[in-house]
Amino acid sequence: MGETLPERQKWLEHALQGLAFWIGHRHSLFNAYPLTEGALVAEACNLMQANLPSGLILLPECMYRNLVPLGTQIDGVTGQSRADLVICDDDAKPVGRDGNVAPHVRFVIEVKRASATDREINTDLVRLHSYQRASNNNARTFLFVVSESRAHPRFVKDGKSILGVHDIPNCGGHFRVRRTVKAAASFSGKETAHYVCLIEVFRHSHDRARPI
């Protein structure tokens, strides 16, 4: 039998497809100016908010220390470190972005441009893994890797996700590329398409992913 993976979030994948199309739109207006990571996070936030299922709320720029029980330390994560996007159940509404929402966290997300170094991408993967180890609520963790006009060779080959288990350097976890979406000017334009990879981080190396 194959490995049982957590359910794919179709609403999230739909939002990421919109992000890939939005990159193409921005390139039509400002072809010579690469998008900043802040702009990508802001548009991802807009698209996720528009597609968010009922019962969930989206909190941008949450401090990691507010995503774990009070007094819990996250290895390698400083007190001022923030997660780009956090999705909680709506019981977190009274607490808000600046309070401790640890019991209500469902997804923690970081966003990275594909032009970032492997070291920078690995740092986000390790941070998400460290959060998982410190949390006690089975929250799922994702990294969005966003590519303008090219595929990231670590995650995409021939326009498709590189599947399978991939160890995260310098920690005991692994990741999987759960989905890759793209926007291309033509059917044959795989090399110059805009890509968004949805990468999920798991707690253990080559272990069963925990169903949620």
Protein backbone atom coordinates (compact mmCIF):
# COMPACT_ATOMS: atom_id res chain seq x y z
CA MET A 1 0.00 0.00 0.00
CA GLY A 2 1.15 3.55 -0.70
CA GLU A 3 1.73 6.23 1.84
CA THR A 4 -1.38 8.00 3.12
CA LEU A 5 -0.99 11.74 2.70
CA PRO A 6 -3.11 14.52 4.19
CA GLU A 7 -5.97 15.71 2.04
CA ARG A 8 -5.13 18.24 -0.64
CA GLN A 9 -6.71 21.65 -0.12
CA LYS A 10 -8.39 22.42 -3.45
CA TRP A 11 -9.34 25.95 -2.39
CA LEU A 12 -5.67 26.69 -1.65
CA GLU A 13 -4.51 25.27 -4.97
CA HIS A 14 -7.13 27.40 -6.74
CA ALA A 15 -5.74 30.51 -5.01
CA LEU A 16 -2.20 29.59 -6.07
CA GLN A 17 -3.29 29.16 -9.67
CA GLY A 18 -4.64 32.69 -9.45
CA LEU A 19 -1.27 33.84 -8.14
CA ALA A 20 0.51 32.38 -11.17
CA PHE A 21 -1.93 34.17 -13.50
CA TRP A 22 -1.48 37.41 -11.53
CA ILE A 23 2.29 37.22 -12.04
CA GLY A 24 1.68 36.97 -15.79
CA HIS A 25 -0.59 40.00 -15.62
CA ARG A 26 2.02 42.03 -13.74
CA HIS A 27 4.68 41.02 -16.28
CA SER A 28 2.47 42.36 -19.06
CA LEU A 29 2.52 45.73 -17.30
CA PHE A 30 6.05 45.80 -15.87
CA ASN A 31 8.10 43.18 -17.68
CA ALA A 32 11.50 44.51 -16.60
CA TYR A 33 10.75 44.65 -12.86
CA PRO A 34 10.81 41.41 -10.83
CA LEU A 35 8.12 41.24 -8.17
CA THR A 36 9.18 41.64 -4.57
CA GLU A 37 8.54 38.92 -2.03
CA GLY A 38 6.30 41.36 -0.17
CA ALA A 39 4.13 41.87 -3.26
CA LEU A 40 3.82 38.10 -3.73
CA VAL A 41 2.82 37.59 -0.09
CA ALA A 42 0.24 40.39 -0.32
CA GLU A 43 -1.39 38.96 -3.46
CA ALA A 44 -1.32 35.41 -2.07
CA CYS A 45 -3.09 36.79 1.00
CA ASN A 46 -5.77 38.44 -1.18
CA LEU A 47 -6.40 35.30 -3.22
CA MET A 48 -6.48 33.00 -0.20
CA GLN A 49 -8.90 35.33 1.58
CA ALA A 50 -11.18 35.25 -1.45
CA ASN A 51 -11.18 31.43 -1.54
CA LEU A 52 -11.10 30.69 2.22
CA PRO A 53 -13.71 28.11 3.32
CA SER A 54 -16.18 29.10 6.02
CA GLY A 55 -14.99 28.41 9.55
CA LEU A 56 -11.42 29.58 8.85
CA ILE A 57 -9.72 32.96 9.15
CA LEU A 58 -6.47 34.22 7.64
CA LEU A 59 -3.93 36.06 9.81
CA PRO A 60 -0.88 37.55 8.05
CA GLU A 61 2.49 38.18 9.71
CA CYS A 62 1.93 36.30 12.97
CA MET A 63 4.76 35.92 15.46
CA TYR A 64 5.80 32.29 15.78
CA ARG A 65 5.78 32.61 19.57
CA ASN A 66 2.01 33.18 19.35
CA LEU A 67 1.51 29.95 17.39
CA VAL A 68 2.70 27.63 20.17
CA PRO A 69 1.58 27.26 23.81
CA LEU A 70 2.80 29.99 26.14
CA GLY A 71 6.36 29.38 27.31
CA THR A 72 7.15 26.94 24.49
CA GLN A 73 10.46 27.43 22.70
CA ILE A 74 10.86 26.79 18.98
CA ASP A 75 14.37 25.63 18.10
CA GLY A 76 16.24 28.19 16.01
CA VAL A 77 13.34 30.66 15.88
CA THR A 78 13.84 34.06 17.50
CA GLY A 79 11.18 35.81 19.53
CA GLN A 80 10.47 38.34 16.76
CA SER A 81 10.22 35.85 13.87
CA ARG A 82 6.94 35.98 11.98
CA ALA A 83 5.14 33.50 9.75
CA ASP A 84 4.00 35.03 6.46
CA LEU A 85 0.47 33.58 6.52
CA VAL A 86 -1.41 31.67 9.23
CA ILE A 87 -4.84 30.09 8.89
CA CYS A 88 -6.84 29.42 12.06
CA ASP A 89 -10.32 28.23 12.89
CA ASP A 90 -12.67 31.13 13.52
CA ASP A 91 -12.47 30.68 17.29
CA ALA A 92 -9.26 32.70 16.96
CA LYS A 93 -11.21 35.85 15.99
CA PRO A 94 -11.50 37.23 19.54
CA VAL A 95 -7.78 36.67 20.09
CA GLY A 96 -6.57 38.23 16.85
CA ARG A 97 -3.20 38.36 15.16
CA ASP A 98 -1.35 39.77 18.15
CA GLY A 99 -2.61 37.21 20.70
CA ASN A 100 -1.72 33.58 21.29
CA VAL A 101 -3.73 31.51 18.81
CA ALA A 102 -1.91 28.21 19.38
CA PRO A 103 -5.04 26.06 19.94
CA HIS A 104 -6.64 27.35 16.74
CA VAL A 105 -3.83 27.13 14.15
CA ARG A 106 -4.59 24.90 11.15
CA PHE A 107 -1.98 25.97 8.56
CA VAL A 108 1.30 27.89 8.78
CA ILE A 109 2.71 29.17 5.49
CA GLU A 110 5.94 30.79 4.35
CA VAL A 111 6.43 32.35 0.90
CA LYS A 112 9.74 32.39 -0.98
CA ARG A 113 10.81 33.65 -4.38
CA ALA A 114 12.49 30.97 -6.48
CA SER A 115 15.43 33.33 -6.92
CA ALA A 116 16.26 32.85 -3.22
CA THR A 117 19.31 30.74 -2.48
CA ASP A 118 18.99 27.09 -1.48
CA ARG A 119 20.17 28.15 1.96
CA GLU A 120 17.32 30.67 2.30
CA ILE A 121 14.74 28.11 1.14
CA ASN A 122 16.17 25.50 3.51
CA THR A 123 15.95 28.01 6.37
CA ASP A 124 12.20 28.35 5.80
CA LEU A 125 11.79 24.56 5.57
CA VAL A 126 13.71 24.07 8.82
CA ARG A 127 11.70 26.82 10.53
CA LEU A 128 8.41 25.17 9.55
CA HIS A 129 9.72 21.82 10.76
CA SER A 130 10.81 23.34 14.08
CA TYR A 131 7.35 24.86 14.50
CA GLN A 132 5.74 21.46 13.90
CA ARG A 133 7.93 19.84 16.54
CA ALA A 134 7.05 22.54 19.08
CA SER A 135 3.30 22.65 18.39
CA ASN A 136 0.74 20.22 19.73
CA ASN A 137 -2.24 20.84 17.46
CA ASN A 138 -1.44 18.90 14.25
CA ALA A 139 -1.25 22.10 12.20
CA ARG A 140 0.02 21.60 8.66
CA THR A 141 2.94 23.61 7.29
CA PHE A 142 3.56 24.78 3.73
CA LEU A 143 6.15 26.69 1.74
CA PHE A 144 5.09 28.48 -1.44
CA VAL A 145 7.99 28.78 -3.91
CA VAL A 146 7.12 31.34 -6.59
CA SER A 147 9.03 31.46 -9.88
CA GLU A 148 8.89 34.22 -12.48
CA SER A 149 9.55 33.08 -16.06
CA ARG A 150 11.26 29.82 -15.13
CA ALA A 151 10.80 26.57 -13.22
CA HIS A 152 12.76 25.91 -10.05
CA PRO A 153 14.88 22.81 -10.85
CA ARG A 154 14.74 21.56 -7.26
CA PHE A 155 10.95 21.23 -7.35
CA VAL A 156 9.88 21.10 -11.00
CA LYS A 157 10.98 19.03 -14.00
CA ASP A 158 9.44 19.21 -17.48
CA GLY A 159 6.73 21.47 -16.11
CA LYS A 160 5.61 19.00 -13.43
CA SER A 161 6.20 18.53 -9.70
CA ILE A 162 9.19 16.44 -8.67
CA LEU A 163 7.37 13.88 -6.55
CA GLY A 164 8.50 11.68 -3.69
CA VAL A 165 10.08 12.25 -0.29
CA HIS A 166 12.88 14.82 0.03
CA ASP A 167 14.88 15.18 3.23
CA ILE A 168 15.24 18.67 4.69
CA PRO A 169 18.94 19.39 5.26
CA ASN A 170 20.10 19.69 8.88
CA CYS A 171 16.90 18.49 10.50
CA GLY A 172 14.89 15.32 10.94
CA GLY A 173 12.02 16.19 8.63
CA HIS A 174 11.13 15.86 4.97
CA PHE A 175 9.05 17.68 2.39
CA ARG A 176 6.91 16.78 -0.59
CA VAL A 177 5.88 18.92 -3.55
CA ARG A 178 2.11 18.53 -3.25
CA ARG A 179 1.12 20.65 -6.27
CA THR A 180 2.67 22.83 -8.95
CA VAL A 181 0.61 25.36 -10.90
CA LYS A 182 1.80 27.47 -13.81
CA ALA A 183 0.80 30.21 -16.19
CA ALA A 184 2.36 30.11 -19.67
CA ALA A 185 1.97 32.21 -22.80
CA SER A 186 1.74 29.05 -24.92
CA PHE A 187 1.25 25.30 -24.51
CA SER A 188 4.93 24.74 -25.29
CA GLY A 189 6.19 27.53 -23.03
CA LYS A 190 7.17 25.40 -20.04
CA GLU A 191 10.64 26.92 -19.76
CA THR A 192 9.39 30.51 -19.51
CA ALA A 193 6.16 29.93 -17.58
CA HIS A 194 5.44 31.37 -14.13
CA TYR A 195 5.25 28.67 -11.46
CA VAL A 196 3.99 28.36 -7.90
CA CYS A 197 5.00 25.21 -6.00
CA LEU A 198 3.06 24.09 -2.93
CA ILE A 199 5.52 22.27 -0.67
CA GLU A 200 4.37 20.51 2.49
CA VAL A 201 6.73 19.92 5.42
CA PHE A 202 6.46 16.75 7.51
CA ARG A 203 7.87 16.12 10.95
CA HIS A 204 9.83 12.88 10.40
CA SER A 205 12.29 11.70 7.76
CA HIS A 206 10.81 8.99 5.51
CA ASP A 207 7.97 8.54 7.98
CA ARG A 208 4.29 8.30 7.35
CA ALA A 209 2.66 11.67 6.87
CA ARG A 210 0.06 12.22 9.57
CA PRO A 211 -3.49 12.20 8.22
CA ILE A 212 -5.54 15.19 9.29
